Amino acid sequence: MALKERYDFANLHNMMEEGVLTELERQLEAIADEDLCKCNDCVLDMACFSLNSLTPKYRSSLMGGIYARAELDEHEEQVRQAVSSAIERVSQNPLCENFR
């Protein structure tokens, strides 16, 4: 029997994802649409690049979420820089056809 069939992984979450998506939204809102492609593919690439450059912070319970949120506050500047770098990287070489 497969592990996913035996155990419930629904509560397993990477809290960095929440922080990255919040910061990505904040930064994208500050950039004019004509200056950057904000299509689904490009925004997903930005999120992926950001998350891949950060140490994941997983939680599997409510209490773990409280601790992870506290840790996110400590890593706020790292998240901000990772998102900024990802936006720059994708904007310089978008994989979509919209801004080539």
N, C-alpha and C. Protein backbone atom coordinates (compact mmCIF):
# COMPACT_ATOMS: atom_id res chain seq x y z
N MET A 1 0.85 -1.18 0.00
CA MET A 1 0.00 0.00 0.00
C MET A 1 0.89 1.24 0.00
N ALA A 2 0.55 2.22 -0.81
CA ALA A 2 1.32 3.45 -0.92
C ALA A 2 1.15 4.32 0.32
N LEU A 3 2.18 5.07 0.61
CA LEU A 3 2.19 5.94 1.78
C LEU A 3 1.01 6.91 1.78
N LYS A 4 0.73 7.51 0.64
CA LYS A 4 -0.37 8.49 0.54
C LYS A 4 -1.73 7.83 0.73
N GLU A 5 -1.82 6.57 0.53
CA GLU A 5 -3.08 5.86 0.76
C GLU A 5 -3.25 5.51 2.24
N ARG A 6 -2.16 5.40 2.96
CA ARG A 6 -2.20 5.01 4.37
C ARG A 6 -2.29 6.20 5.32
N TYR A 7 -1.79 7.36 4.88
CA TYR A 7 -1.71 8.52 5.77
C TYR A 7 -2.34 9.74 5.11
N ASP A 8 -2.85 10.64 5.94
CA ASP A 8 -3.48 11.87 5.47
C ASP A 8 -2.45 12.99 5.46
N PHE A 9 -2.07 13.43 4.28
CA PHE A 9 -1.09 14.50 4.12
C PHE A 9 -1.75 15.85 3.83
N ALA A 10 -3.04 15.95 4.01
CA ALA A 10 -3.77 17.18 3.68
C ALA A 10 -3.30 18.37 4.49
N ASN A 11 -2.80 18.15 5.69
CA ASN A 11 -2.38 19.27 6.54
C ASN A 11 -0.90 19.61 6.42
N LEU A 12 -0.22 18.99 5.49
CA LEU A 12 1.20 19.27 5.27
C LEU A 12 1.31 20.48 4.34
N HIS A 13 1.87 21.58 4.87
CA HIS A 13 1.95 22.83 4.10
C HIS A 13 3.31 23.48 4.27
N ASN A 14 3.80 24.05 3.18
CA ASN A 14 5.02 24.85 3.22
C ASN A 14 4.62 26.29 3.50
N MET A 15 4.92 26.77 4.69
CA MET A 15 4.52 28.11 5.08
C MET A 15 5.24 29.19 4.28
N MET A 16 6.39 28.87 3.71
CA MET A 16 7.09 29.84 2.87
C MET A 16 6.25 30.18 1.65
N GLU A 17 5.46 29.23 1.19
CA GLU A 17 4.60 29.49 0.04
C GLU A 17 3.64 30.63 0.34
N GLU A 18 3.06 30.60 1.51
CA GLU A 18 2.14 31.68 1.91
C GLU A 18 2.86 33.02 1.92
N GLY A 19 4.06 33.05 2.50
CA GLY A 19 4.82 34.29 2.55
C GLY A 19 5.22 34.79 1.18
N VAL A 20 5.65 33.87 0.31
CA VAL A 20 6.05 34.25 -1.05
C VAL A 20 4.86 34.78 -1.84
N LEU A 21 3.73 34.11 -1.76
CA LEU A 21 2.57 34.56 -2.53
C LEU A 21 2.07 35.92 -2.06
N THR A 22 2.11 36.16 -0.77
CA THR A 22 1.71 37.47 -0.24
C THR A 22 2.66 38.55 -0.73
N GLU A 23 3.95 38.29 -0.65
CA GLU A 23 4.95 39.27 -1.08
C GLU A 23 4.92 39.45 -2.59
N LEU A 24 4.72 38.37 -3.34
CA LEU A 24 4.64 38.46 -4.80
C LEU A 24 3.47 39.34 -5.21
N GLU A 25 2.34 39.15 -4.57
CA GLU A 25 1.17 39.99 -4.86
C GLU A 25 1.48 41.46 -4.57
N ARG A 26 2.11 41.72 -3.44
CA ARG A 26 2.43 43.10 -3.06
C ARG A 26 3.36 43.75 -4.09
N GLN A 27 4.39 43.02 -4.50
CA GLN A 27 5.34 43.59 -5.45
C GLN A 27 4.75 43.73 -6.85
N LEU A 28 3.96 42.77 -7.28
CA LEU A 28 3.35 42.85 -8.62
C LEU A 28 2.36 44.01 -8.73
N GLU A 29 1.65 44.28 -7.64
CA GLU A 29 0.70 45.40 -7.65
C GLU A 29 1.41 46.74 -7.83
N ALA A 30 2.68 46.81 -7.44
CA ALA A 30 3.44 48.05 -7.53
C ALA A 30 4.07 48.25 -8.91
N ILE A 31 3.97 47.26 -9.78
CA ILE A 31 4.56 47.34 -11.12
C ILE A 31 3.45 47.48 -12.14
N ALA A 32 3.59 48.46 -13.03
CA ALA A 32 2.59 48.68 -14.07
C ALA A 32 2.50 47.46 -14.99
N ASP A 33 1.29 47.15 -15.42
CA ASP A 33 1.07 45.98 -16.26
C ASP A 33 1.89 45.99 -17.55
N GLU A 34 2.09 47.16 -18.12
CA GLU A 34 2.81 47.22 -19.39
C GLU A 34 4.31 47.03 -19.21
N ASP A 35 4.80 47.06 -17.96
CA ASP A 35 6.22 46.89 -17.70
C ASP A 35 6.62 45.45 -17.43
N LEU A 36 5.65 44.57 -17.28
CA LEU A 36 5.95 43.20 -16.88
C LEU A 36 4.79 42.28 -17.26
N CYS A 37 5.13 41.12 -17.77
CA CYS A 37 4.09 40.14 -18.07
C CYS A 37 3.59 39.53 -16.76
N LYS A 38 2.29 39.55 -16.59
CA LYS A 38 1.67 39.00 -15.39
C LYS A 38 0.71 37.87 -15.76
N CYS A 39 1.04 37.16 -16.83
CA CYS A 39 0.22 36.02 -17.22
C CYS A 39 0.41 34.89 -16.20
N ASN A 40 -0.44 33.91 -16.25
CA ASN A 40 -0.39 32.80 -15.31
C ASN A 40 0.98 32.11 -15.31
N ASP A 41 1.53 31.84 -16.48
CA ASP A 41 2.82 31.14 -16.57
C ASP A 41 3.94 31.95 -15.93
N CYS A 42 3.99 33.24 -16.20
CA CYS A 42 5.06 34.07 -15.66
C CYS A 42 4.95 34.23 -14.15
N VAL A 43 3.75 34.41 -13.64
CA VAL A 43 3.57 34.55 -12.20
C VAL A 43 3.91 33.24 -11.49
N LEU A 44 3.53 32.11 -12.08
CA LEU A 44 3.91 30.82 -11.50
C LEU A 44 5.43 30.64 -11.51
N ASP A 45 6.08 31.06 -12.60
CA ASP A 45 7.54 30.99 -12.65
C ASP A 45 8.17 31.84 -11.55
N MET A 46 7.63 33.02 -11.34
CA MET A 46 8.14 33.90 -10.28
C MET A 46 8.00 33.24 -8.91
N ALA A 47 6.85 32.63 -8.67
CA ALA A 47 6.63 31.95 -7.40
C ALA A 47 7.60 30.78 -7.25
N CYS A 48 7.80 30.01 -8.30
CA CYS A 48 8.71 28.86 -8.25
C CYS A 48 10.15 29.29 -8.00
N PHE A 49 10.62 30.29 -8.73
CA PHE A 49 11.98 30.78 -8.53
C PHE A 49 12.16 31.27 -7.09
N SER A 50 11.18 31.98 -6.59
CA SER A 50 11.25 32.48 -5.21
C SER A 50 11.35 31.33 -4.23
N LEU A 51 10.42 30.40 -4.34
CA LEU A 51 10.38 29.27 -3.39
C LEU A 51 11.62 28.39 -3.48
N ASN A 52 12.15 28.21 -4.67
CA ASN A 52 13.33 27.36 -4.83
C ASN A 52 14.58 27.99 -4.22
N SER A 53 14.56 29.30 -4.00
CA SER A 53 15.73 29.96 -3.42
C SER A 53 15.63 30.11 -1.91
N LEU A 54 14.52 29.67 -1.33
CA LEU A 54 14.30 29.80 0.11
C LEU A 54 14.25 28.42 0.79
N THR A 55 14.61 28.41 2.05
CA THR A 55 14.50 27.18 2.83
C THR A 55 13.03 26.95 3.15
N PRO A 56 12.49 25.78 2.84
CA PRO A 56 11.08 25.52 3.15
C PRO A 56 10.84 25.47 4.65
N LYS A 57 9.64 25.86 5.03
CA LYS A 57 9.21 25.81 6.44
C LYS A 57 7.86 25.08 6.45
N TYR A 58 7.90 23.78 6.70
CA TYR A 58 6.69 22.97 6.66
C TYR A 58 6.02 22.91 8.01
N ARG A 59 4.73 22.74 7.98
CA ARG A 59 3.95 22.50 9.18
C ARG A 59 2.91 21.46 8.86
N SER A 60 2.48 20.76 9.91
CA SER A 60 1.46 19.73 9.71
C SER A 60 0.34 19.85 10.75
N SER A 61 0.40 20.89 11.57
CA SER A 61 -0.63 21.06 12.59
C SER A 61 -0.86 22.55 12.82
N LEU A 62 -1.90 22.86 13.55
CA LEU A 62 -2.20 24.25 13.89
C LEU A 62 -1.06 24.85 14.69
N MET A 63 -0.56 24.12 15.68
CA MET A 63 0.54 24.62 16.51
C MET A 63 1.80 24.82 15.68
N GLY A 64 2.04 23.91 14.78
CA GLY A 64 3.18 24.08 13.87
C GLY A 64 3.04 25.30 13.00
N GLY A 65 1.82 25.62 12.62
CA GLY A 65 1.55 26.83 11.83
C GLY A 65 1.86 28.09 12.61
N ILE A 66 1.58 28.08 13.89
CA ILE A 66 1.87 29.25 14.73
C ILE A 66 3.38 29.47 14.79
N TYR A 67 4.13 28.40 15.01
CA TYR A 67 5.59 28.51 15.04
C TYR A 67 6.16 28.92 13.68
N ALA A 68 5.61 28.35 12.62
CA ALA A 68 6.09 28.67 11.28
C ALA A 68 5.81 30.12 10.92
N ARG A 69 4.66 30.65 11.31
CA ARG A 69 4.35 32.06 11.06
C ARG A 69 5.33 32.97 11.78
N ALA A 70 5.68 32.62 13.01
CA ALA A 70 6.66 33.40 13.76
C ALA A 70 8.00 33.38 13.04
N GLU A 71 8.37 32.23 12.51
CA GLU A 71 9.62 32.13 11.75
C GLU A 71 9.56 32.93 10.47
N LEU A 72 8.40 32.96 9.83
CA LEU A 72 8.26 33.74 8.60
C LEU A 72 8.58 35.20 8.84
N ASP A 73 8.16 35.73 9.97
CA ASP A 73 8.47 37.11 10.31
C ASP A 73 9.98 37.34 10.35
N GLU A 74 10.71 36.35 10.85
CA GLU A 74 12.17 36.45 10.92
C GLU A 74 12.81 36.41 9.52
N HIS A 75 12.13 35.80 8.57
CA HIS A 75 12.67 35.62 7.23
C HIS A 75 12.04 36.59 6.22
N GLU A 76 11.38 37.60 6.70
CA GLU A 76 10.65 38.53 5.83
C GLU A 76 11.56 39.17 4.78
N GLU A 77 12.73 39.61 5.17
CA GLU A 77 13.65 40.25 4.22
C GLU A 77 14.15 39.25 3.18
N GLN A 78 14.40 38.03 3.58
CA GLN A 78 14.82 36.99 2.62
C GLN A 78 13.71 36.75 1.60
N VAL A 79 12.48 36.69 2.06
CA VAL A 79 11.34 36.48 1.15
C VAL A 79 11.23 37.66 0.19
N ARG A 80 11.34 38.86 0.72
CA ARG A 80 11.25 40.06 -0.12
C ARG A 80 12.32 40.04 -1.21
N GLN A 81 13.54 39.70 -0.84
CA GLN A 81 14.64 39.67 -1.81
C GLN A 81 14.46 38.54 -2.82
N ALA A 82 14.00 37.38 -2.37
CA ALA A 82 13.79 36.25 -3.27
C ALA A 82 12.73 36.58 -4.32
N VAL A 83 11.66 37.22 -3.89
CA VAL A 83 10.58 37.59 -4.81
C VAL A 83 11.07 38.65 -5.79
N SER A 84 11.77 39.63 -5.29
CA SER A 84 12.29 40.69 -6.16
C SER A 84 13.23 40.11 -7.22
N SER A 85 14.10 39.22 -6.80
CA SER A 85 15.02 38.58 -7.72
C SER A 85 14.29 37.73 -8.75
N ALA A 86 13.27 37.01 -8.31
CA ALA A 86 12.49 36.17 -9.23
C ALA A 86 11.74 37.01 -10.26
N ILE A 87 11.17 38.11 -9.83
CA ILE A 87 10.46 39.01 -10.76
C ILE A 87 11.44 39.53 -11.80
N GLU A 88 12.60 39.94 -11.37
CA GLU A 88 13.63 40.45 -12.28
C GLU A 88 14.04 39.36 -13.27
N ARG A 89 14.27 38.17 -12.78
CA ARG A 89 14.73 37.06 -13.63
C ARG A 89 13.68 36.70 -14.69
N VAL A 90 12.44 36.58 -14.28
CA VAL A 90 11.39 36.22 -15.22
C VAL A 90 11.13 37.36 -16.20
N SER A 91 11.18 38.60 -15.73
CA SER A 91 10.92 39.73 -16.61
C SER A 91 12.00 39.87 -17.69
N GLN A 92 13.22 39.46 -17.37
CA GLN A 92 14.31 39.52 -18.36
C GLN A 92 14.25 38.40 -19.37
N ASN A 93 13.59 37.30 -19.00
CA ASN A 93 13.52 36.16 -19.91
C ASN A 93 12.21 35.41 -19.71
N PRO A 94 11.07 36.03 -20.06
CA PRO A 94 9.79 35.35 -19.87
C PRO A 94 9.67 34.15 -20.81
N LEU A 95 9.08 33.09 -20.33
CA LEU A 95 8.90 31.89 -21.14
C LEU A 95 7.67 31.99 -22.03
N CYS A 96 6.77 32.90 -21.70
CA CYS A 96 5.57 33.06 -22.52
C CYS A 96 5.86 33.93 -23.73
N GLU A 97 4.91 34.05 -24.61
CA GLU A 97 5.08 34.82 -25.84
C GLU A 97 4.64 36.28 -25.69
N ASN A 98 4.05 36.64 -24.56
CA ASN A 98 3.44 37.96 -24.39
C ASN A 98 4.43 39.12 -24.44
N PHE A 99 5.65 38.94 -23.91
CA PHE A 99 6.58 40.05 -23.80
C PHE A 99 7.91 39.79 -24.51
N ARG A 100 7.91 38.91 -25.47
CA ARG A 100 9.16 38.63 -26.20
C ARG A 100 9.36 39.60 -27.32
